[in-house]
Amino acid sequence: MACGEENDHCCGNHGHQADGGCCGGHDHEHDGGCCGGHEHDGGCCGGHHDGGCCGGGCCGADDRDQIAMFVVGPIETNCYAYVSQGECLVVDPGNSGKAIAEHLPPDVTVNYIVATHGHGDHVGGVRALREATGAKYAISAPDAELAKHAGEKSELGRSYDDNAPDPDLTLSEGDVLKVGTAEFRVLEAPGHTPGGIVLLGGGSAEHVCFVGDTLFKGSCGRTDLKGGSQEDLRRTLARLKREIPAHTNVFCGHGDPTTMEDELAQNPYLR
């Protein structure tokens, strides 16, 4: 059964909470915040503050690289900044683009702002972050129009900081984005939205994957919003099961990070 048929099990996505809670949920305790309970030098921030970030070197990044995590907005969307050799890729800047820019180290150059999909809680901060950093904004072509309405009320009655601008780059299957010694390959992942993507790391980001709202710890993305498709999501999840190595650290759009090994063993939507 695809998530969306039983929405109360969809981790954090648009108002529903998964079994075991979601990272940043106020009724759950997380050591050091929202990095999945692992031990990390520098730790992770408490996660309940717009623009809050986690400490350097957390969550499976290569020793040369760092991942910062920001939990932003009314439904606690996870935004990530991957830093390698002074270059940065920001994934899903929620509705706090300006605050995220202020929390990034001043010596870091943001090369890309990438949206895993076009929902407002993931792209409402794109415009402010691009204005603050000069980075290129990238999203898949099928979701680019959806992202342009982030500042308007969604079908769930929420709106976010601002409409996303026209993208500087449109992403499709096989595209590769490079920052420092890290690279991220685009996997098309429709289902939650028509143009959802996953970023699978390579180089110094070999053990990292950003999955947006396609996959959650113990769950998967909902499909009952406009453009969602249970059939597409099933195919996407089957593909991720085949193509994401078990040792990969999986960074989700809401809730705790996880590992593909754990999801293969425990997530009913990957069986």
Protein backbone atom coordinates (compact mmCIF):
# COMPACT_ATOMS: atom_id res chain seq x y z
CA MET A 1 0.00 0.00 0.00
CA ALA A 2 1.47 3.35 -0.98
CA CYS A 3 1.68 6.15 1.52
CA GLY A 4 -1.27 8.39 0.85
CA GLU A 5 -3.73 5.57 1.30
CA GLU A 6 -2.99 5.74 5.04
CA ASN A 7 -1.78 9.30 5.46
CA ASP A 8 -1.36 9.08 9.22
CA HIS A 9 1.75 7.02 8.53
CA CYS A 10 3.39 9.57 6.23
CA CYS A 11 6.35 11.03 8.09
CA GLY A 12 5.84 14.75 8.51
CA ASN A 13 4.68 15.34 4.98
CA HIS A 14 2.11 18.10 4.98
CA GLY A 15 0.67 17.58 8.39
CA HIS A 16 0.84 13.85 9.06
CA GLN A 17 3.20 12.15 11.46
CA ALA A 18 4.84 8.76 11.18
CA ASP A 19 5.07 6.05 13.80
CA GLY A 20 7.91 6.94 16.10
CA GLY A 21 7.62 10.65 15.43
CA CYS A 22 9.52 12.90 13.06
CA CYS A 23 12.74 14.79 13.53
CA GLY A 24 11.91 18.11 15.11
CA GLY A 25 8.62 16.84 16.50
CA HIS A 26 8.09 18.56 19.83
CA ASP A 27 6.93 15.41 21.54
CA HIS A 28 10.12 13.46 20.91
CA GLU A 29 13.65 13.80 22.25
CA HIS A 30 16.61 13.62 19.88
CA ASP A 31 20.16 13.69 21.14
CA GLY A 32 21.61 16.87 19.71
CA GLY A 33 18.62 17.50 17.47
CA CYS A 34 17.80 16.01 14.09
CA CYS A 35 20.64 13.88 12.79
CA GLY A 36 19.07 10.54 13.46
CA GLY A 37 20.60 9.91 16.85
CA HIS A 38 24.13 9.26 15.62
CA GLU A 39 27.25 10.63 17.29
CA HIS A 40 28.79 13.51 15.37
CA ASP A 41 31.61 15.89 16.13
CA GLY A 42 29.96 19.24 16.70
CA GLY A 43 26.61 17.56 17.14
CA CYS A 44 23.40 18.81 15.59
CA CYS A 45 21.25 21.71 16.58
CA GLY A 46 17.97 21.35 18.41
CA GLY A 47 16.18 21.80 15.15
CA HIS A 48 13.14 23.83 16.21
CA HIS A 49 14.48 27.17 15.02
CA ASP A 50 14.20 28.62 11.55
CA GLY A 51 17.72 28.77 10.25
CA GLY A 52 19.08 26.43 12.90
CA CYS A 53 21.92 24.26 11.65
CA CYS A 54 23.79 21.17 12.62
CA GLY A 55 27.47 20.89 13.41
CA GLY A 56 30.20 20.13 10.92
CA GLY A 57 30.89 16.66 9.65
CA CYS A 58 27.56 15.13 10.62
CA CYS A 59 25.43 12.43 9.13
CA GLY A 60 27.76 10.42 6.95
CA ALA A 61 29.67 13.11 5.09
CA ASP A 62 33.21 12.34 4.01
CA ASP A 63 35.83 13.65 6.46
CA ARG A 64 36.61 16.43 3.98
CA ASP A 65 33.00 17.49 3.68
CA GLN A 66 30.22 18.73 5.95
CA ILE A 67 26.45 18.53 6.03
CA ALA A 68 24.33 21.11 7.79
CA MET A 69 20.67 20.50 8.48
CA PHE A 70 17.99 23.17 8.98
CA VAL A 71 14.48 22.34 10.17
CA VAL A 72 12.23 25.14 8.95
CA GLY A 73 8.62 26.17 8.58
CA PRO A 74 5.29 25.17 10.12
CA ILE A 75 5.56 21.50 9.11
CA GLU A 76 9.27 21.22 9.92
CA THR A 77 10.79 20.73 6.50
CA ASN A 78 14.38 19.54 6.36
CA CYS A 79 16.79 21.72 4.40
CA TYR A 80 20.36 20.56 3.86
CA ALA A 81 23.60 22.31 2.95
CA TYR A 82 26.37 20.06 1.65
CA VAL A 83 29.79 21.74 1.78
CA SER A 84 32.90 20.44 0.04
CA GLN A 85 36.15 22.35 -0.48
CA GLY A 86 34.41 25.67 0.24
CA GLU A 87 31.62 25.04 -2.27
CA CYS A 88 28.05 24.35 -1.26
CA LEU A 89 24.87 22.72 -2.54
CA VAL A 90 21.67 23.67 -0.70
CA VAL A 91 18.79 21.22 -0.96
CA ASP A 92 15.18 22.34 -0.37
CA PRO A 93 15.48 25.75 1.36
CA GLY A 94 12.03 25.53 2.91
CA ASN A 95 10.58 28.92 3.72
CA SER A 96 13.68 30.39 5.37
CA GLY A 97 16.05 31.31 2.56
CA LYS A 98 17.34 34.48 4.18
CA ALA A 99 17.96 32.82 7.55
CA ILE A 100 19.75 29.91 5.91
CA ALA A 101 22.05 32.29 4.04
CA GLU A 102 22.87 34.05 7.31
CA HIS A 103 23.83 30.77 8.98
CA LEU A 104 26.18 29.55 6.25
CA PRO A 105 29.88 30.27 6.85
CA PRO A 106 30.96 33.47 5.10
CA ASP A 107 33.80 31.71 3.28
CA VAL A 108 31.47 29.20 1.61
CA THR A 109 30.27 29.74 -1.97
CA VAL A 110 26.79 28.41 -2.68
CA ASN A 111 26.93 26.99 -6.20
CA TYR A 112 23.47 25.46 -6.42
CA ILE A 113 20.06 25.58 -4.76
CA VAL A 114 18.27 22.36 -5.67
CA ALA A 115 14.62 21.52 -5.07
CA THR A 116 13.79 17.83 -4.86
CA HIS A 117 10.23 18.76 -5.85
CA GLY A 118 8.00 21.80 -6.20
CA HIS A 119 5.88 21.87 -3.03
CA GLY A 120 5.89 25.23 -1.28
CA ASP A 121 7.35 23.95 2.00
CA HIS A 122 10.49 22.97 0.06
CA VAL A 123 10.86 25.94 -2.30
CA GLY A 124 9.39 28.96 -0.51
CA GLY A 125 12.88 30.14 0.47
CA VAL A 126 14.48 29.74 -2.95
CA ARG A 127 14.08 33.34 -4.09
CA ALA A 128 15.56 34.88 -0.92
CA LEU A 129 18.44 32.40 -0.81
CA ARG A 130 19.28 32.97 -4.47
CA GLU A 131 19.23 36.73 -3.97
CA ALA A 132 21.51 36.41 -0.94
CA THR A 133 24.02 34.02 -2.51
CA GLY A 134 23.85 34.36 -6.29
CA ALA A 135 23.56 30.57 -6.57
CA LYS A 136 21.92 28.82 -9.49
CA TYR A 137 18.46 27.44 -8.75
CA ALA A 138 17.70 24.01 -10.18
CA ILE A 139 14.54 21.89 -10.27
CA SER A 140 13.03 19.36 -12.66
CA ALA A 141 11.04 20.80 -15.55
CA PRO A 142 7.77 19.04 -14.56
CA ASP A 143 7.78 20.69 -11.10
CA ALA A 144 9.06 24.15 -12.07
CA GLU A 145 5.57 25.59 -12.52
CA LEU A 146 4.33 24.14 -9.23
CA ALA A 147 7.22 25.83 -7.42
CA LYS A 148 6.18 29.21 -8.82
CA HIS A 149 3.10 29.13 -6.56
CA ALA A 150 4.82 28.53 -3.21
CA GLY A 151 3.73 31.92 -1.88
CA GLU A 152 0.08 31.24 -2.69
CA LYS A 153 -2.27 29.10 -0.61
CA SER A 154 -1.88 25.44 -1.44
CA GLU A 155 -4.69 22.91 -1.58
CA LEU A 156 -4.00 22.35 2.13
CA GLY A 157 -4.43 26.06 2.84
CA ARG A 158 -0.79 26.88 3.56
CA SER A 159 1.51 29.37 1.89
CA TYR A 160 5.24 29.90 2.21
CA ASP A 161 7.67 32.79 1.95
CA ASP A 162 7.60 33.47 -1.75
CA ASN A 163 6.97 31.98 -5.15
CA ALA A 164 10.07 30.33 -6.55
CA PRO A 165 11.56 32.10 -9.58
CA ASP A 166 12.16 30.58 -12.99
CA PRO A 167 14.94 28.01 -12.61
CA ASP A 168 18.44 28.69 -13.86
CA LEU A 169 18.77 24.98 -14.60
CA THR A 170 16.19 22.27 -15.19
CA LEU A 171 17.31 18.84 -14.03
CA SER A 172 16.61 15.48 -15.62
CA GLU A 173 17.74 11.89 -15.34
CA GLY A 174 21.52 11.45 -15.25
CA ASP A 175 22.47 15.10 -14.75
CA VAL A 176 25.40 15.57 -12.35
CA LEU A 177 25.99 18.55 -10.06
CA LYS A 178 29.48 19.01 -8.63
CA VAL A 179 30.59 20.90 -5.53
CA GLY A 180 34.21 20.57 -4.47
CA THR A 181 35.11 16.87 -4.51
CA ALA A 182 31.46 15.80 -4.22
CA GLU A 183 29.04 15.10 -7.01
CA PHE A 184 25.33 14.35 -7.08
CA ARG A 185 23.59 12.40 -9.82
CA VAL A 186 19.94 13.12 -10.54
CA LEU A 187 17.50 10.22 -10.42
CA GLU A 188 14.01 11.03 -11.62
CA ALA A 189 11.60 9.99 -8.85
CA PRO A 190 7.96 10.76 -9.72
CA GLY A 191 5.12 9.80 -7.43
CA HIS A 192 4.88 12.36 -4.64
CA THR A 193 4.88 14.96 -7.42
CA PRO A 194 5.27 14.45 -11.18
CA GLY A 195 8.79 15.91 -11.19
CA GLY A 196 10.31 14.64 -7.98
CA ILE A 197 14.03 13.89 -8.03
CA VAL A 198 16.58 12.16 -5.81
CA LEU A 199 20.21 13.28 -5.54
CA LEU A 200 22.57 10.30 -5.23
CA GLY A 201 26.03 11.22 -4.04
CA GLY A 202 29.35 10.27 -5.59
CA GLY A 203 32.97 11.25 -5.08
CA SER A 204 33.40 12.46 -1.50
CA ALA A 205 29.59 12.31 -1.14
CA GLU A 206 29.51 8.60 -1.99
CA HIS A 207 27.55 7.63 1.13
CA VAL A 208 24.93 10.39 0.86
CA CYS A 209 21.53 10.59 -0.80
CA PHE A 210 18.91 13.37 -0.62
CA VAL A 211 15.45 11.92 -1.25
CA GLY A 212 13.06 14.80 -0.54
CA ASP A 213 9.55 13.51 0.23
CA THR A 214 9.90 10.32 -1.81
CA LEU A 215 11.17 8.15 1.04
CA PHE A 216 10.98 8.55 4.81
CA LYS A 217 12.26 6.57 7.75
CA GLY A 218 9.82 3.67 7.85
CA SER A 219 7.49 5.27 5.33
CA CYS A 220 7.18 7.07 1.99
CA GLY A 221 5.67 10.16 0.44
CA ARG A 222 1.96 10.81 0.19
CA THR A 223 0.32 10.65 -3.22
CA ASP A 224 -3.08 12.22 -2.59
CA LEU A 225 -2.07 15.79 -3.48
CA LYS A 226 -2.47 17.17 -6.99
CA GLY A 227 -0.11 15.42 -9.39
CA GLY A 228 0.64 12.55 -7.02
CA SER A 229 0.55 8.99 -8.31
CA GLN A 230 0.62 5.80 -6.26
CA GLU A 231 1.61 3.78 -9.30
CA ASP A 232 4.53 6.10 -10.11
CA LEU A 233 5.66 6.11 -6.50
CA ARG A 234 5.65 2.31 -6.35
CA ARG A 235 7.87 2.20 -9.42
CA THR A 236 10.16 4.86 -7.98
CA LEU A 237 10.53 3.05 -4.66
CA ALA A 238 11.31 -0.20 -6.46
CA ARG A 239 14.01 1.60 -8.39
CA LEU A 240 15.53 3.18 -5.28
CA LYS A 241 15.56 -0.23 -3.66
CA ARG A 242 17.68 -1.49 -6.56
CA GLU A 243 19.95 1.50 -7.09
CA ILE A 244 20.75 3.08 -3.72
CA PRO A 245 23.54 1.09 -2.02
CA ALA A 246 22.73 -0.27 1.42
CA HIS A 247 25.53 1.69 3.10
CA THR A 248 24.04 5.03 1.98
CA ASN A 249 22.90 7.65 4.50
CA VAL A 250 19.45 8.81 3.40
CA PHE A 251 18.40 12.40 4.10
CA CYS A 252 14.64 12.90 3.97
CA GLY A 253 12.48 15.96 3.43
CA HIS A 254 10.85 15.55 6.85
CA GLY A 255 11.80 13.51 9.87
CA ASP A 256 14.94 11.66 10.85
CA PRO A 257 17.72 10.76 8.43
CA THR A 258 18.13 7.02 8.03
CA THR A 259 20.21 4.48 6.14
CA MET A 260 19.20 2.47 3.13
CA GLU A 261 20.22 -0.67 4.99
CA ASP A 262 17.70 0.09 7.74
CA GLU A 263 14.97 0.93 5.25
CA LEU A 264 15.53 -2.25 3.26
CA ALA A 265 15.19 -4.20 6.48
CA GLN A 266 12.29 -2.32 8.10
CA ASN A 267 10.37 -0.11 5.67
CA PRO A 268 7.20 -1.90 4.51
CA TYR A 269 7.07 0.20 1.33
CA LEU A 270 10.40 -1.27 0.15
CA ARG A 271 9.34 -4.91 0.50
